PDB file of N, CA and C in Angstrom:
ATOM      1  N   UNK A   1      23.414  75.107 -39.714  1.00  0.00           N
ATOM      2  CA  UNK A   1      22.258  74.259 -39.901  1.00  0.00           C
ATOM      3  C   UNK A   1      22.342  73.601 -41.276  1.00  0.00           C
ATOM      4  N   UNK A   2      22.022  72.327 -41.322  1.00  0.00           N
ATOM      5  CA  UNK A   2      22.017  71.604 -42.598  1.00  0.00           C
ATOM      6  C   UNK A   2      20.592  71.522 -43.135  1.00  0.00           C
ATOM      7  N   UNK A   3      20.454  71.880 -44.420  1.00  0.00           N
ATOM      8  CA  UNK A   3      19.156  71.761 -45.065  1.00  0.00           C
ATOM      9  C   UNK A   3      19.269  70.797 -46.239  1.00  0.00           C
ATOM     10  N   UNK A   4      18.197  70.077 -46.496  1.00  0.00           N
ATOM     11  CA  UNK A   4      18.136  69.134 -47.610  1.00  0.00           C
ATOM     12  C   UNK A   4      17.113  69.643 -48.616  1.00  0.00           C
ATOM     13  N   UNK A   5      17.454  69.502 -49.901  1.00  0.00           N
ATOM     14  CA  UNK A   5      16.556  69.944 -50.968  1.00  0.00           C
ATOM     15  C   UNK A   5      16.576  68.897 -52.076  1.00  0.00           C
ATOM     16  N   UNK A   6      15.404  68.415 -52.521  1.00  0.00           N
ATOM     17  CA  UNK A   6      15.377  67.508 -53.674  1.00  0.00           C
ATOM     18  C   UNK A   6      15.684  68.330 -54.938  1.00  0.00           C
ATOM     19  N   UNK A   7      16.662  67.870 -55.725  1.00  0.00           N
ATOM     20  CA  UNK A   7      17.073  68.635 -56.908  1.00  0.00           C
ATOM     21  C   UNK A   7      17.136  67.751 -58.144  1.00  0.00           C
ATOM     22  N   UNK A   8      17.075  68.419 -59.314  1.00  0.00           N
ATOM     23  CA  UNK A   8      17.092  67.719 -60.595  1.00  0.00           C
ATOM     24  C   UNK A   8      18.494  67.352 -61.059  1.00  0.00           C
ATOM     25  N   UNK A   9      19.499  68.156 -60.679  1.00  0.00           N
ATOM     26  CA  UNK A   9      20.876  67.932 -61.124  1.00  0.00           C
ATOM     27  C   UNK A   9      21.837  68.207 -59.977  1.00  0.00           C
ATOM     28  N   UNK A  10      23.069  67.732 -60.122  1.00  0.00           N
ATOM     29  CA  UNK A  10      24.103  67.968 -59.113  1.00  0.00           C
ATOM     30  C   UNK A  10      24.768  69.324 -59.363  1.00  0.00           C
ATOM     31  N   UNK A  11      24.017  70.385 -59.111  1.00  0.00           N
ATOM     32  CA  UNK A  11      24.506  71.746 -59.325  1.00  0.00           C
ATOM     33  C   UNK A  11      23.692  72.700 -58.463  1.00  0.00           C
ATOM     34  N   UNK A  12      24.344  73.731 -57.927  1.00  0.00           N
ATOM     35  CA  UNK A  12      23.614  74.738 -57.160  1.00  0.00           C
ATOM     36  C   UNK A  12      22.725  75.577 -58.074  1.00  0.00           C
ATOM     37  N   UNK A  13      22.962  75.489 -59.377  1.00  0.00           N
ATOM     38  CA  UNK A  13      22.168  76.248 -60.342  1.00  0.00           C
ATOM     39  C   UNK A  13      20.911  75.496 -60.767  1.00  0.00           C
ATOM     40  N   UNK A  14      20.730  74.290 -60.295  1.00  0.00           N
ATOM     41  CA  UNK A  14      19.599  73.460 -60.707  1.00  0.00           C
ATOM     42  C   UNK A  14      18.305  73.915 -60.059  1.00  0.00           C
ATOM     43  N   UNK A  15      17.219  73.334 -60.521  1.00  0.00           N
ATOM     44  CA  UNK A  15      15.903  73.606 -59.949  1.00  0.00           C
ATOM     45  C   UNK A  15      15.580  72.619 -58.843  1.00  0.00           C
ATOM     46  N   UNK A  16      14.689  73.037 -57.966  1.00  0.00           N
ATOM     47  CA  UNK A  16      14.132  72.141 -56.955  1.00  0.00           C
ATOM     48  C   UNK A  16      13.269  71.128 -57.703  1.00  0.00           C
ATOM     49  N   UNK A  17      13.429  69.852 -57.381  1.00  0.00           N
ATOM     50  CA  UNK A  17      12.623  68.811 -58.012  1.00  0.00           C
ATOM     51  C   UNK A  17      11.213  68.832 -57.423  1.00  0.00           C
ATOM     52  N   UNK A  18      10.213  68.703 -58.292  1.00  0.00           N
ATOM     53  CA  UNK A  18       8.822  68.752 -57.828  1.00  0.00           C
ATOM     54  C   UNK A  18       8.423  67.520 -57.022  1.00  0.00           C
ATOM     55  N   UNK A  19       9.165  66.429 -57.182  1.00  0.00           N
ATOM     56  CA  UNK A  19       8.856  65.200 -56.465  1.00  0.00           C
ATOM     57  C   UNK A  19       9.929  64.921 -55.424  1.00  0.00           C
ATOM     58  N   UNK A  20       9.543  64.851 -54.155  1.00  0.00           N
ATOM     59  CA  UNK A  20      10.514  64.571 -53.103  1.00  0.00           C
ATOM     60  C   UNK A  20      11.066  63.151 -53.200  1.00  0.00           C
ATOM     61  N   UNK A  21      10.196  62.161 -53.133  1.00  0.00           N
ATOM     62  CA  UNK A  21      10.628  60.765 -53.095  1.00  0.00           C
ATOM     63  C   UNK A  21      11.298  60.290 -54.364  1.00  0.00           C
ATOM     64  N   UNK A  22      10.934  60.874 -55.499  1.00  0.00           N
ATOM     65  CA  UNK A  22      11.482  60.451 -56.794  1.00  0.00           C
ATOM     66  C   UNK A  22      12.539  61.415 -57.334  1.00  0.00           C
ATOM     67  N   UNK A  23      12.980  62.366 -56.538  1.00  0.00           N
ATOM     68  CA  UNK A  23      14.029  63.290 -56.974  1.00  0.00           C
ATOM     69  C   UNK A  23      15.291  62.501 -57.290  1.00  0.00           C
ATOM     70  N   UNK A  24      16.010  62.855 -58.366  1.00  0.00           N
ATOM     71  CA  UNK A  24      17.237  62.120 -58.673  1.00  0.00           C
ATOM     72  C   UNK A  24      18.340  62.325 -57.633  1.00  0.00           C
ATOM     73  N   UNK A  25      18.358  63.530 -57.021  1.00  0.00           N
ATOM     74  CA  UNK A  25      19.429  63.872 -56.073  1.00  0.00           C
ATOM     75  C   UNK A  25      18.867  64.705 -54.925  1.00  0.00           C
ATOM     76  N   UNK A  26      19.630  64.724 -53.846  1.00  0.00           N
ATOM     77  CA  UNK A  26      19.351  65.636 -52.743  1.00  0.00           C
ATOM     78  C   UNK A  26      20.581  66.502 -52.526  1.00  0.00           C
ATOM     79  N   UNK A  27      20.355  67.791 -52.414  1.00  0.00           N
ATOM     80  CA  UNK A  27      21.406  68.722 -52.036  1.00  0.00           C
ATOM     81  C   UNK A  27      21.358  68.851 -50.520  1.00  0.00           C
ATOM     82  N   UNK A  28      22.488  68.635 -49.877  1.00  0.00           N
ATOM     83  CA  UNK A  28      22.612  68.888 -48.440  1.00  0.00           C
ATOM     84  C   UNK A  28      23.491  70.131 -48.331  1.00  0.00           C
ATOM     85  N   UNK A  29      22.892  71.201 -47.852  1.00  0.00           N
ATOM     86  CA  UNK A  29      23.578  72.495 -47.817  1.00  0.00           C
ATOM     87  C   UNK A  29      23.722  72.958 -46.373  1.00  0.00           C
ATOM     88  N   UNK A  30      24.942  73.308 -45.986  1.00  0.00           N
ATOM     89  CA  UNK A  30      25.215  73.796 -44.641  1.00  0.00           C
ATOM     90  C   UNK A  30      25.156  75.320 -44.653  1.00  0.00           C
ATOM     91  N   UNK A  31      24.177  75.886 -43.986  1.00  0.00           N
ATOM     92  CA  UNK A  31      24.000  77.339 -44.014  1.00  0.00           C
ATOM     93  C   UNK A  31      25.102  78.083 -43.261  1.00  0.00           C
ATOM     94  N   UNK A  32      25.837  77.397 -42.403  1.00  0.00           N
ATOM     95  CA  UNK A  32      26.922  78.026 -41.658  1.00  0.00           C
ATOM     96  C   UNK A  32      28.209  78.056 -42.477  1.00  0.00           C
ATOM     97  N   UNK A  33      28.593  76.893 -43.022  1.00  0.00           N
ATOM     98  CA  UNK A  33      29.860  76.803 -43.763  1.00  0.00           C
ATOM     99  C   UNK A  33      29.684  77.062 -45.259  1.00  0.00           C
ATOM    100  N   UNK A  34      28.436  77.069 -45.726  1.00  0.00           N
ATOM    101  CA  UNK A  34      28.090  77.230 -47.148  1.00  0.00           C
ATOM    102  C   UNK A  34      28.585  76.059 -48.010  1.00  0.00           C
ATOM    103  N   UNK A  35      28.887  74.943 -47.350  1.00  0.00           N
ATOM    104  CA  UNK A  35      29.311  73.742 -48.078  1.00  0.00           C
ATOM    105  C   UNK A  35      28.085  73.007 -48.599  1.00  0.00           C
ATOM    106  N   UNK A  36      28.238  72.396 -49.772  1.00  0.00           N
ATOM    107  CA  UNK A  36      27.141  71.616 -50.339  1.00  0.00           C
ATOM    108  C   UNK A  36      27.639  70.240 -50.748  1.00  0.00           C
ATOM    109  N   UNK A  37      26.778  69.252 -50.540  1.00  0.00           N
ATOM    110  CA  UNK A  37      27.046  67.869 -50.905  1.00  0.00           C
ATOM    111  C   UNK A  37      25.808  67.367 -51.631  1.00  0.00           C
ATOM    112  N   UNK A  38      26.026  66.606 -52.696  1.00  0.00           N
ATOM    113  CA  UNK A  38      24.902  66.028 -53.427  1.00  0.00           C
ATOM    114  C   UNK A  38      24.853  64.530 -53.171  1.00  0.00           C
ATOM    115  N   UNK A  39      23.675  64.044 -52.822  1.00  0.00           N
ATOM    116  CA  UNK A  39      23.468  62.618 -52.583  1.00  0.00           C
ATOM    117  C   UNK A  39      22.611  62.052 -53.701  1.00  0.00           C
ATOM    118  N   UNK A  40      22.991  60.890 -54.225  1.00  0.00           N
ATOM    119  CA  UNK A  40      22.121  60.188 -55.164  1.00  0.00           C
ATOM    120  C   UNK A  40      20.934  59.655 -54.376  1.00  0.00           C
ATOM    121  N   UNK A  41      19.744  59.790 -54.927  1.00  0.00           N
ATOM    122  CA  UNK A  41      18.549  59.273 -54.264  1.00  0.00           C
ATOM    123  C   UNK A  41      18.317  57.841 -54.726  1.00  0.00           C
ATOM    124  N   UNK A  42      18.753  56.888 -53.934  1.00  0.00           N
ATOM    125  CA  UNK A  42      18.580  55.479 -54.257  1.00  0.00           C
ATOM    126  C   UNK A  42      17.121  55.061 -54.294  1.00  0.00           C
ATOM    127  N   UNK A  43      16.239  55.858 -53.692  1.00  0.00           N
ATOM    128  CA  UNK A  43      14.817  55.527 -53.657  1.00  0.00           C
ATOM    129  C   UNK A  43      14.096  55.909 -54.938  1.00  0.00           C
ATOM    130  N   UNK A  44      14.724  56.716 -55.794  1.00  0.00           N
ATOM    131  CA  UNK A  44      14.048  57.241 -56.989  1.00  0.00           C
ATOM    132  C   UNK A  44      13.489  56.143 -57.887  1.00  0.00           C
ATOM    133  N   UNK A  45      14.185  55.020 -57.978  1.00  0.00           N
ATOM    134  CA  UNK A  45      13.750  53.936 -58.859  1.00  0.00           C
ATOM    135  C   UNK A  45      12.935  52.860 -58.137  1.00  0.00           C
ATOM    136  N   UNK A  46      12.632  53.086 -56.878  1.00  0.00           N
ATOM    137  CA  UNK A  46      11.876  52.093 -56.105  1.00  0.00           C
ATOM    138  C   UNK A  46      10.477  51.894 -56.683  1.00  0.00           C
ATOM    139  N   UNK A  47      10.009  50.664 -56.608  1.00  0.00           N
ATOM    140  CA  UNK A  47       8.647  50.389 -57.078  1.00  0.00           C
ATOM    141  C   UNK A  47       7.614  50.868 -56.068  1.00  0.00           C
ATOM    142  N   UNK A  48       7.997  51.025 -54.832  1.00  0.00           N
ATOM    143  CA  UNK A  48       7.088  51.512 -53.801  1.00  0.00           C
ATOM    144  C   UNK A  48       7.877  52.007 -52.608  1.00  0.00           C
ATOM    145  N   UNK A  49       7.265  52.859 -51.817  1.00  0.00           N
ATOM    146  CA  UNK A  49       7.903  53.353 -50.604  1.00  0.00           C
ATOM    147  C   UNK A  49       9.027  54.334 -50.843  1.00  0.00           C
ATOM    148  N   UNK A  50       9.041  54.985 -52.016  1.00  0.00           N
ATOM    149  CA  UNK A  50      10.134  55.909 -52.343  1.00  0.00           C
ATOM    150  C   UNK A  50      10.208  57.055 -51.343  1.00  0.00           C
ATOM    151  N   UNK A  51       9.067  57.587 -50.949  1.00  0.00           N
ATOM    152  CA  UNK A  51       9.061  58.707 -50.018  1.00  0.00           C
ATOM    153  C   UNK A  51       9.670  58.351 -48.673  1.00  0.00           C
ATOM    154  N   UNK A  52       9.316  57.171 -48.162  1.00  0.00           N
ATOM    155  CA  UNK A  52       9.848  56.728 -46.873  1.00  0.00           C
ATOM    156  C   UNK A  52      11.358  56.514 -46.968  1.00  0.00           C
ATOM    157  N   UNK A  53      11.810  55.868 -48.046  1.00  0.00           N
ATOM    158  CA  UNK A  53      13.245  55.623 -48.232  1.00  0.00           C
ATOM    159  C   UNK A  53      14.000  56.935 -48.395  1.00  0.00           C
ATOM    160  N   UNK A  54      13.422  57.858 -49.153  1.00  0.00           N
ATOM    161  CA  UNK A  54      14.053  59.164 -49.342  1.00  0.00           C
ATOM    162  C   UNK A  54      14.121  59.924 -48.017  1.00  0.00           C
ATOM    163  N   UNK A  55      13.056  59.861 -47.241  1.00  0.00           N
ATOM    164  CA  UNK A  55      13.032  60.534 -45.939  1.00  0.00           C
ATOM    165  C   UNK A  55      14.112  59.963 -45.024  1.00  0.00           C
ATOM    166  N   UNK A  56      14.296  58.644 -45.061  1.00  0.00           N
ATOM    167  CA  UNK A  56      15.330  58.030 -44.233  1.00  0.00           C
ATOM    168  C   UNK A  56      16.716  58.499 -44.669  1.00  0.00           C
ATOM    169  N   UNK A  57      16.916  58.695 -45.971  1.00  0.00           N
ATOM    170  CA  UNK A  57      18.198  59.213 -46.468  1.00  0.00           C
ATOM    171  C   UNK A  57      18.445  60.623 -45.934  1.00  0.00           C
ATOM    172  N   UNK A  58      17.386  61.424 -45.841  1.00  0.00           N
ATOM    173  CA  UNK A  58      17.512  62.778 -45.299  1.00  0.00           C
ATOM    174  C   UNK A  58      17.854  62.708 -43.810  1.00  0.00           C
ATOM    175  N   UNK A  59      17.201  61.815 -43.089  1.00  0.00           N
ATOM    176  CA  UNK A  59      17.508  61.619 -41.667  1.00  0.00           C
ATOM    177  C   UNK A  59      18.974  61.203 -41.515  1.00  0.00           C
ATOM    178  N   UNK A  60      19.423  60.262 -42.326  1.00  0.00           N
ATOM    179  CA  UNK A  60      20.797  59.757 -42.250  1.00  0.00           C
ATOM    180  C   UNK A  60      21.836  60.825 -42.603  1.00  0.00           C
ATOM    181  N   UNK A  61      21.426  61.840 -43.365  1.00  0.00           N
ATOM    182  CA  UNK A  61      22.351  62.900 -43.768  1.00  0.00           C
ATOM    183  C   UNK A  61      22.569  63.925 -42.659  1.00  0.00           C
ATOM    184  N   UNK A  62      21.841  63.794 -41.563  1.00  0.00           N
ATOM    185  CA  UNK A  62      21.896  64.715 -40.423  1.00  0.00           C
ATOM    186  C   UNK A  62      21.350  66.102 -40.744  1.00  0.00           C
ATOM    187  N   UNK A  63      20.461  66.183 -41.724  1.00  0.00           N
ATOM    188  CA  UNK A  63      19.832  67.462 -42.048  1.00  0.00           C
ATOM    189  C   UNK A  63      18.911  67.890 -40.909  1.00  0.00           C
ATOM    190  N   UNK A  64      18.781  69.200 -40.747  1.00  0.00           N
ATOM    191  CA  UNK A  64      17.899  69.765 -39.731  1.00  0.00           C
ATOM    192  C   UNK A  64      16.556  70.181 -40.318  1.00  0.00           C
ATOM    193  N   UNK A  65      16.541  70.406 -41.647  1.00  0.00           N
ATOM    194  CA  UNK A  65      15.330  70.871 -42.308  1.00  0.00           C
ATOM    195  C   UNK A  65      15.300  70.352 -43.734  1.00  0.00           C
ATOM    196  N   UNK A  66      14.093  70.215 -44.270  1.00  0.00           N
ATOM    197  CA  UNK A  66      13.884  69.832 -45.667  1.00  0.00           C
ATOM    198  C   UNK A  66      13.116  70.951 -46.347  1.00  0.00           C
ATOM    199  N   UNK A  67      13.598  71.384 -47.527  1.00  0.00           N
ATOM    200  CA  UNK A  67      12.898  72.361 -48.343  1.00  0.00           C
ATOM    201  C   UNK A  67      12.369  71.618 -49.553  1.00  0.00           C
ATOM    202  N   UNK A  68      11.055  71.580 -49.724  1.00  0.00           N
ATOM    203  CA  UNK A  68      10.452  70.810 -50.811  1.00  0.00           C
ATOM    204  C   UNK A  68       9.092  71.409 -51.183  1.00  0.00           C
ATOM    205  N   UNK A  69       8.668  71.249 -52.452  1.00  0.00           N
ATOM    206  CA  UNK A  69       7.359  71.770 -52.818  1.00  0.00           C
ATOM    207  C   UNK A  69       6.199  70.955 -52.247  1.00  0.00           C
ATOM    208  N   UNK A  70       6.431  69.648 -52.013  1.00  0.00           N
ATOM    209  CA  UNK A  70       5.377  68.794 -51.458  1.00  0.00           C
ATOM    210  C   UNK A  70       6.017  67.565 -50.826  1.00  0.00           C
ATOM    211  N   UNK A  71       5.238  66.905 -49.987  1.00  0.00           N
ATOM    212  CA  UNK A  71       5.754  65.733 -49.277  1.00  0.00           C
ATOM    213  C   UNK A  71       4.577  64.846 -48.901  1.00  0.00           C
ATOM    214  N   UNK A  72       4.767  63.537 -49.056  1.00  0.00           N
ATOM    215  CA  UNK A  72       3.731  62.581 -48.691  1.00  0.00           C
ATOM    216  C   UNK A  72       3.690  62.351 -47.192  1.00  0.00           C
ATOM    217  N   UNK A  73       2.560  61.855 -46.756  1.00  0.00           N
ATOM    218  CA  UNK A  73       2.307  61.663 -45.327  1.00  0.00           C
ATOM    219  C   UNK A  73       3.305  60.710 -44.663  1.00  0.00           C
ATOM    220  N   UNK A  74       3.590  59.583 -45.307  1.00  0.00           N
ATOM    221  CA  UNK A  74       4.508  58.610 -44.700  1.00  0.00           C
ATOM    222  C   UNK A  74       5.914  59.182 -44.572  1.00  0.00           C
ATOM    223  N   UNK A  75       6.379  59.867 -45.612  1.00  0.00           N
ATOM    224  CA  UNK A  75       7.703  60.495 -45.555  1.00  0.00           C
ATOM    225  C   UNK A  75       7.721  61.586 -44.482  1.00  0.00           C
ATOM    226  N   UNK A  76       6.659  62.378 -44.429  1.00  0.00           N
ATOM    227  CA  UNK A  76       6.580  63.456 -43.438  1.00  0.00           C
ATOM    228  C   UNK A  76       6.640  62.900 -42.021  1.00  0.00           C
ATOM    229  N   UNK A  77       6.010  61.748 -41.798  1.00  0.00           N
ATOM    230  CA  UNK A  77       6.036  61.134 -40.467  1.00  0.00           C
ATOM    231  C   UNK A  77       7.442  60.712 -40.080  1.00  0.00           C
ATOM    232  N   UNK A  78       8.209  60.150 -41.029  1.00  0.00           N
ATOM    233  CA  UNK A  78       9.601  59.759 -40.761  1.00  0.00           C
ATOM    234  C   UNK A  78      10.421  60.994 -40.381  1.00  0.00           C
ATOM    235  N   UNK A  79      10.240  62.064 -41.131  1.00  0.00           N
ATOM    236  CA  UNK A  79      10.986  63.297 -40.872  1.00  0.00           C
ATOM    237  C   UNK A  79      10.583  63.918 -39.532  1.00  0.00           C
ATOM    238  N   UNK A  80       9.290  63.907 -39.247  1.00  0.00           N
ATOM    239  CA  UNK A  80       8.788  64.487 -37.999  1.00  0.00           C
ATOM    240  C   UNK A  80       9.364  63.771 -36.783  1.00  0.00           C
ATOM    241  N   UNK A  81       9.390  62.438 -36.826  1.00  0.00           N
ATOM    242  CA  UNK A  81       9.933  61.651 -35.713  1.00  0.00           C
ATOM    243  C   UNK A  81      11.413  61.998 -35.483  1.00  0.00           C
ATOM    244  N   UNK A  82      12.124  62.302 -36.562  1.00  0.00           N
ATOM    245  CA  UNK A  82      13.543  62.636 -36.461  1.00  0.00           C
ATOM    246  C   UNK A  82      13.772  64.109 -36.096  1.00  0.00           C
ATOM    247  N   UNK A  83      12.691  64.875 -35.980  1.00  0.00           N
ATOM    248  CA  UNK A  83      12.827  66.275 -35.605  1.00  0.00           C
ATOM    249  C   UNK A  83      13.225  67.192 -36.758  1.00  0.00           C
ATOM    250  N   UNK A  84      13.015  66.731 -37.983  1.00  0.00           N
ATOM    251  CA  UNK A  84      13.361  67.527 -39.168  1.00  0.00           C
ATOM    252  C   UNK A  84      12.122  68.312 -39.597  1.00  0.00           C
ATOM    253  N   UNK A  85      12.262  69.626 -39.663  1.00  0.00           N
ATOM    254  CA  UNK A  85      11.149  70.479 -40.078  1.00  0.00           C
ATOM    255  C   UNK A  85      11.083  70.540 -41.598  1.00  0.00           C
ATOM    256  N   UNK A  86       9.874  70.627 -42.134  1.00  0.00           N
ATOM    257  CA  UNK A  86       9.652  70.650 -43.583  1.00  0.00           C
ATOM    258  C   UNK A  86       9.137  72.030 -43.976  1.00  0.00           C
ATOM    259  N   UNK A  87       9.854  72.667 -44.888  1.00  0.00           N
ATOM    260  CA  UNK A  87       9.487  73.991 -45.375  1.00  0.00           C
ATOM    261  C   UNK A  87       9.075  73.917 -46.830  1.00  0.00           C
ATOM    262  N   UNK A  88       8.111  74.752 -47.218  1.00  0.00           N
ATOM    263  CA  UNK A  88       7.601  74.777 -48.586  1.00  0.00           C
ATOM    264  C   UNK A  88       8.469  75.695 -49.435  1.00  0.00           C
ATOM    265  N   UNK A  89       8.964  75.156 -50.552  1.00  0.00           N
ATOM    266  CA  UNK A  89       9.769  75.955 -51.466  1.00  0.00           C
ATOM    267  C   UNK A  89       8.888  76.959 -52.200  1.00  0.00           C
ATOM    268  N   UNK A  90       9.533  78.020 -52.662  1.00  0.00           N
ATOM    269  CA  UNK A  90       8.863  79.073 -53.422  1.00  0.00           C
ATOM    270  C   UNK A  90       9.554  79.157 -54.777  1.00  0.00           C
ATOM    271  N   UNK A  91       8.856  78.813 -55.844  1.00  0.00           N
ATOM    272  CA  UNK A  91       9.465  78.842 -57.167  1.00  0.00           C
ATOM    273  C   UNK A  91      10.411  77.678 -57.381  1.00  0.00           C
ATOM    274  N   UNK A  92      11.139  77.720 -58.501  1.00  0.00           N
ATOM    275  CA  UNK A  92      11.975  76.597 -58.901  1.00  0.00           C
ATOM    276  C   UNK A  92      13.435  76.693 -58.482  1.00  0.00           C
ATOM    277  N   UNK A  93      13.953  77.885 -58.288  1.00  0.00           N
ATOM    278  CA  UNK A  93      15.383  78.089 -58.084  1.00  0.00           C
ATOM    279  C   UNK A  93      15.880  77.566 -56.736  1.00  0.00           C
ATOM    280  N   UNK A  94      16.869  76.696 -56.794  1.00  0.00           N
ATOM    281  CA  UNK A  94      17.463  76.167 -55.563  1.00  0.00           C
ATOM    282  C   UNK A  94      18.110  77.290 -54.762  1.00  0.00           C
ATOM    283  N   UNK A  95      18.901  78.123 -55.445  1.00  0.00           N
ATOM    284  CA  UNK A  95      19.597  79.225 -54.770  1.00  0.00           C
ATOM    285  C   UNK A  95      18.635  80.198 -54.108  1.00  0.00           C
ATOM    286  N   UNK A  96      17.553  80.530 -54.803  1.00  0.00           N
ATOM    287  CA  UNK A  96      16.551  81.448 -54.249  1.00  0.00           C
ATOM    288  C   UNK A  96      15.927  80.854 -52.981  1.00  0.00           C
ATOM    289  N   UNK A  97      15.664  79.560 -52.998  1.00  0.00           N
ATOM    290  CA  UNK A  97      15.057  78.918 -51.830  1.00  0.00           C
ATOM    291  C   UNK A  97      16.019  78.847 -50.651  1.00  0.00           C
ATOM    292  N   UNK A  98      17.294  78.633 -50.926  1.00  0.00           N
ATOM    293  CA  UNK A  98      18.285  78.660 -49.834  1.00  0.00           C
ATOM    294  C   UNK A  98      18.308  80.056 -49.211  1.00  0.00           C
ATOM    295  N   UNK A  99      18.367  81.087 -50.058  1.00  0.00           N
ATOM    296  CA  UNK A  99      18.395  82.465 -49.557  1.00  0.00           C
ATOM    297  C   UNK A  99      17.131  82.791 -48.762  1.00  0.00           C
ATOM    298  N   UNK A 100      15.975  82.367 -49.284  1.00  0.00           N
ATOM    299  CA  UNK A 100      14.706  82.624 -48.594  1.00  0.00           C
ATOM    300  C   UNK A 100      14.664  81.911 -47.251  1.00  0.00           C
ATOM    301  N   UNK A 101      15.185  80.682 -47.188  1.00  0.00           N
ATOM    302  CA  UNK A 101      15.206  79.939 -45.931  1.00  0.00           C
ATOM    303  C   UNK A 101      16.084  80.660 -44.904  1.00  0.00           C
ATOM    304  N   UNK A 102      17.288  81.047 -45.335  1.00  0.00           N
ATOM    305  CA  UNK A 102      18.222  81.725 -44.426  1.00  0.00           C
ATOM    306  C   UNK A 102      17.617  83.033 -43.909  1.00  0.00           C
ATOM    307  N   UNK A 103      16.841  83.704 -44.763  1.00  0.00           N
ATOM    308  CA  UNK A 103      16.201  84.963 -44.378  1.00  0.00           C
ATOM    309  C   UNK A 103      14.918  84.746 -43.565  1.00  0.00           C
ATOM    310  N   UNK A 104      14.531  83.480 -43.342  1.00  0.00           N
ATOM    311  CA  UNK A 104      13.334  83.186 -42.563  1.00  0.00           C
ATOM    312  C   UNK A 104      12.039  83.430 -43.317  1.00  0.00           C
ATOM    313  N   UNK A 105      12.094  83.357 -44.655  1.00  0.00           N
ATOM    314  CA  UNK A 105      10.924  83.687 -45.470  1.00  0.00           C
ATOM    315  C   UNK A 105      10.192  82.481 -46.050  1.00  0.00           C
ATOM    316  N   UNK A 106      10.644  81.269 -45.745  1.00  0.00           N
ATOM    317  CA  UNK A 106       9.925  80.094 -46.243  1.00  0.00           C
ATOM    318  C   UNK A 106       8.933  79.627 -45.185  1.00  0.00           C
ATOM    319  N   UNK A 107       7.687  79.353 -45.597  1.00  0.00           N
ATOM    320  CA  UNK A 107       6.695  78.856 -44.637  1.00  0.00           C
ATOM    321  C   UNK A 107       6.889  77.359 -44.388  1.00  0.00           C
ATOM    322  N   UNK A 108       6.443  76.916 -43.237  1.00  0.00           N
ATOM    323  CA  UNK A 108       6.407  75.474 -42.983  1.00  0.00           C
ATOM    324  C   UNK A 108       5.414  74.848 -43.954  1.00  0.00           C
ATOM    325  N   UNK A 109       5.739  73.653 -44.436  1.00  0.00           N
ATOM    326  CA  UNK A 109       4.842  72.935 -45.345  1.00  0.00           C
ATOM    327  C   UNK A 109       3.724  72.324 -44.510  1.00  0.00           C
ATOM    328  N   UNK A 110       2.518  72.822 -44.701  1.00  0.00           N
ATOM    329  CA  UNK A 110       1.403  72.298 -43.911  1.00  0.00           C
ATOM    330  C   UNK A 110       0.417  71.497 -44.749  1.00  0.00           C
ATOM    331  N   UNK A 111       0.671  71.402 -46.046  1.00  0.00           N
ATOM    332  CA  UNK A 111      -0.188  70.605 -46.922  1.00  0.00           C
ATOM    333  C   UNK A 111       0.508  69.277 -47.222  1.00  0.00           C
ATOM    334  N   UNK A 112       0.380  68.340 -46.330  1.00  0.00           N
ATOM    335  CA  UNK A 112       0.979  67.020 -46.504  1.00  0.00           C
ATOM    336  C   UNK A 112      -0.050  66.137 -47.201  1.00  0.00           C
ATOM    337  N   UNK A 113       0.319  65.624 -48.384  1.00  0.00           N
ATOM    338  CA  UNK A 113      -0.653  64.799 -49.104  1.00  0.00           C
ATOM    339  C   UNK A 113      -0.590  63.349 -48.630  1.00  0.00           C
ATOM    340  N   UNK A 114      -1.610  62.599 -48.940  1.00  0.00           N
ATOM    341  CA  UNK A 114      -1.743  61.226 -48.458  1.00  0.00           C
ATOM    342  C   UNK A 114      -0.740  60.275 -49.098  1.00  0.00           C
ATOM    343  N   UNK A 115      -0.095  60.705 -50.173  1.00  0.00           N
ATOM    344  CA  UNK A 115       0.853  59.832 -50.864  1.00  0.00           C
ATOM    345  C   UNK A 115       0.148  59.109 -51.998  1.00  0.00           C
ATOM    346  N   UNK A 116       0.950  58.524 -52.860  1.00  0.00           N
ATOM    347  CA  UNK A 116       0.376  57.884 -54.044  1.00  0.00           C
ATOM    348  C   UNK A 116       0.251  56.376 -53.899  1.00  0.00           C
ATOM    349  N   UNK A 117       0.998  55.803 -52.972  1.00  0.00           N
ATOM    350  CA  UNK A 117       0.879  54.381 -52.622  1.00  0.00           C
ATOM    351  C   UNK A 117       0.749  53.466 -53.832  1.00  0.00           C
ATOM    352  N   UNK A 118       1.798  53.458 -54.638  1.00  0.00           N
ATOM    353  CA  UNK A 118       1.833  52.538 -55.766  1.00  0.00           C
ATOM    354  C   UNK A 118       1.202  53.072 -57.035  1.00  0.00           C
ATOM    355  N   UNK A 119       0.789  54.315 -57.039  1.00  0.00           N
ATOM    356  CA  UNK A 119       0.142  54.890 -58.214  1.00  0.00           C
ATOM    357  C   UNK A 119       1.072  55.847 -58.951  1.00  0.00           C
ATOM    358  N   UNK A 120       2.374  55.710 -58.767  1.00  0.00           N
ATOM    359  CA  UNK A 120       3.343  56.549 -59.466  1.00  0.00           C
ATOM    360  C   UNK A 120       3.801  57.709 -58.633  1.00  0.00           C
ATOM    361  N   UNK A 121       4.902  58.313 -59.053  1.00  0.00           N
ATOM    362  CA  UNK A 121       5.646  59.434 -58.498  1.00  0.00           C
ATOM    363  C   UNK A 121       5.332  59.957 -57.118  1.00  0.00           C
ATOM    364  N   UNK A 122       5.937  59.571 -56.080  1.00  0.00           N
ATOM    365  CA  UNK A 122       5.810  60.203 -54.772  1.00  0.00           C
ATOM    366  C   UNK A 122       7.057  60.953 -54.530  1.00  0.00           C
TER     367      UNK A 122
END
């Protein structure tokens, strides 16, 4: 299974980024092969619609799940249509969240916010 995580740096030692749409990078991690790939988030510098663009990048990466601390409504809708489940991260550590996901200990993200719609950082 492929999981996507918004991260601050291109390293497995990095923290989960608090902002999904404005994260500098996405880690795509394969839980079967343990392979990881880092994608630059082209949406991070967008003046608007960063969450939707970031969500489309996750869809295009063939991820099955997204691990993130929060997600806007428009991005969540893009992911939902693609069948990608959204899980809420616990703490900052990327590695800890991967382990928690594999162990089935991450809850589904059920607090989808309305988004910022031009008011900064989504």
